[in-house]
Amino acid sequence: MATLEELEARVAALEASQADYRAVIAAINALRENERELTTTVRDQARRLDTLETSLADFRQEAGANLRSVDEHLGELRDLVISLGNDRP
């Protein structure tokens, strides 16, 4: 039969093991919370990137349309200058 000292040593070892287990659980919970925060941050950044990509595509289309309009106006001005030059004696 185990002595009182042996039983006390076993209880102390079990308590220490249980404390280690609690520390591991606390660390896992902290890691889980960090993972949640990182997931939220990544999700938010992905949304911002999607919005930025859409805005950039819209800007490119608008800029392209503006450049085509400028080209058309320049062509009209060139034709006008040429026609005015041909009207002079």
Protein backbone atom coordinates (compact mmCIF):
# COMPACT_ATOMS: atom_id res chain seq x y z
CA MET A 1 0.00 0.00 0.00
CA ALA A 2 1.20 3.51 -0.81
CA THR A 3 2.37 5.76 1.92
CA LEU A 4 0.89 9.14 2.60
CA GLU A 5 4.00 10.80 1.16
CA GLU A 6 3.71 8.79 -2.06
CA LEU A 7 0.04 9.68 -2.40
CA GLU A 8 0.81 13.36 -1.79
CA ALA A 9 3.55 13.19 -4.44
CA ARG A 10 1.11 11.62 -6.92
CA VAL A 11 -1.49 14.31 -6.19
CA ALA A 12 1.13 17.03 -6.67
CA ALA A 13 2.20 15.47 -9.97
CA LEU A 14 -1.42 15.28 -11.13
CA GLU A 15 -2.01 18.91 -10.13
CA ALA A 16 1.12 19.97 -12.03
CA SER A 17 -0.01 17.95 -15.05
CA GLN A 18 -3.45 19.54 -14.86
CA ALA A 19 -1.86 23.02 -14.68
CA ASP A 20 0.18 22.20 -17.79
CA TYR A 21 -3.01 21.05 -19.51
CA ARG A 22 -4.74 24.33 -18.58
CA ALA A 23 -1.78 26.30 -19.93
CA VAL A 24 -1.94 24.39 -23.22
CA ILE A 25 -5.69 25.01 -23.48
CA ALA A 26 -5.15 28.73 -22.79
CA ALA A 27 -2.47 28.88 -25.49
CA ILE A 28 -4.75 27.10 -27.97
CA ASN A 29 -7.56 29.54 -27.22
CA ALA A 30 -5.21 32.49 -27.70
CA LEU A 31 -4.06 31.06 -31.04
CA ARG A 32 -7.67 30.52 -32.08
CA GLU A 33 -8.49 34.17 -31.30
CA ASN A 34 -5.43 35.33 -33.26
CA GLU A 35 -6.53 33.17 -36.19
CA ARG A 36 -10.00 34.73 -36.09
CA GLU A 37 -8.56 38.23 -36.09
CA LEU A 38 -6.21 37.40 -38.96
CA THR A 39 -9.03 35.81 -40.94
CA THR A 40 -11.15 38.93 -40.46
CA THR A 41 -8.25 41.16 -41.49
CA VAL A 42 -7.52 39.09 -44.60
CA ARG A 43 -11.21 39.06 -45.53
CA ASP A 44 -11.43 42.84 -45.11
CA GLN A 45 -8.28 43.39 -47.16
CA ALA A 46 -9.62 41.11 -49.90
CA ARG A 47 -12.81 43.17 -50.05
CA ARG A 48 -10.81 46.38 -50.22
CA LEU A 49 -8.68 44.91 -53.00
CA ASP A 50 -11.78 43.86 -54.95
CA THR A 51 -13.18 47.38 -54.60
CA LEU A 52 -9.88 48.88 -55.70
CA GLU A 53 -9.69 46.58 -58.72
CA THR A 54 -13.22 47.55 -59.73
CA SER A 55 -12.43 51.23 -59.31
CA LEU A 56 -9.27 50.86 -61.36
CA ALA A 57 -11.12 49.06 -64.15
CA ASP A 58 -13.77 51.81 -64.17
CA PHE A 59 -11.05 54.47 -64.26
CA ARG A 60 -9.29 52.74 -67.15
CA GLN A 61 -12.52 52.60 -69.15
CA GLU A 62 -13.26 56.25 -68.45
CA ALA A 63 -9.71 57.30 -69.29
CA GLY A 64 -9.85 55.32 -72.53
CA ALA A 65 -13.13 56.99 -73.47
CA ASN A 66 -11.67 60.40 -72.67
CA LEU A 67 -8.60 59.72 -74.79
CA ARG A 68 -10.75 58.64 -77.71
CA SER A 69 -12.79 61.83 -77.32
CA VAL A 70 -9.61 63.93 -77.28
CA ASP A 71 -8.37 62.14 -80.40
CA GLU A 72 -11.65 62.86 -82.16
CA HIS A 73 -11.53 66.53 -81.21
CA LEU A 74 -7.93 66.82 -82.32
CA GLY A 75 -8.87 65.29 -85.65
CA GLU A 76 -11.70 67.78 -86.03
CA LEU A 77 -9.40 70.67 -85.13
CA ARG A 78 -6.77 69.44 -87.57
CA ASP A 79 -9.36 69.23 -90.34
CA LEU A 80 -10.61 72.73 -89.44
CA VAL A 81 -7.11 74.20 -89.52
CA ILE A 82 -6.40 72.51 -92.84
CA SER A 83 -9.67 73.75 -94.33
CA LEU A 84 -8.99 77.29 -93.06
CA GLY A 85 -5.50 77.15 -94.55
CA ASN A 86 -6.89 76.04 -97.90
CA ASP A 87 -9.36 78.98 -97.93
CA ARG A 88 -6.55 81.56 -97.85
CA PRO A 89 -5.27 82.88 -101.14
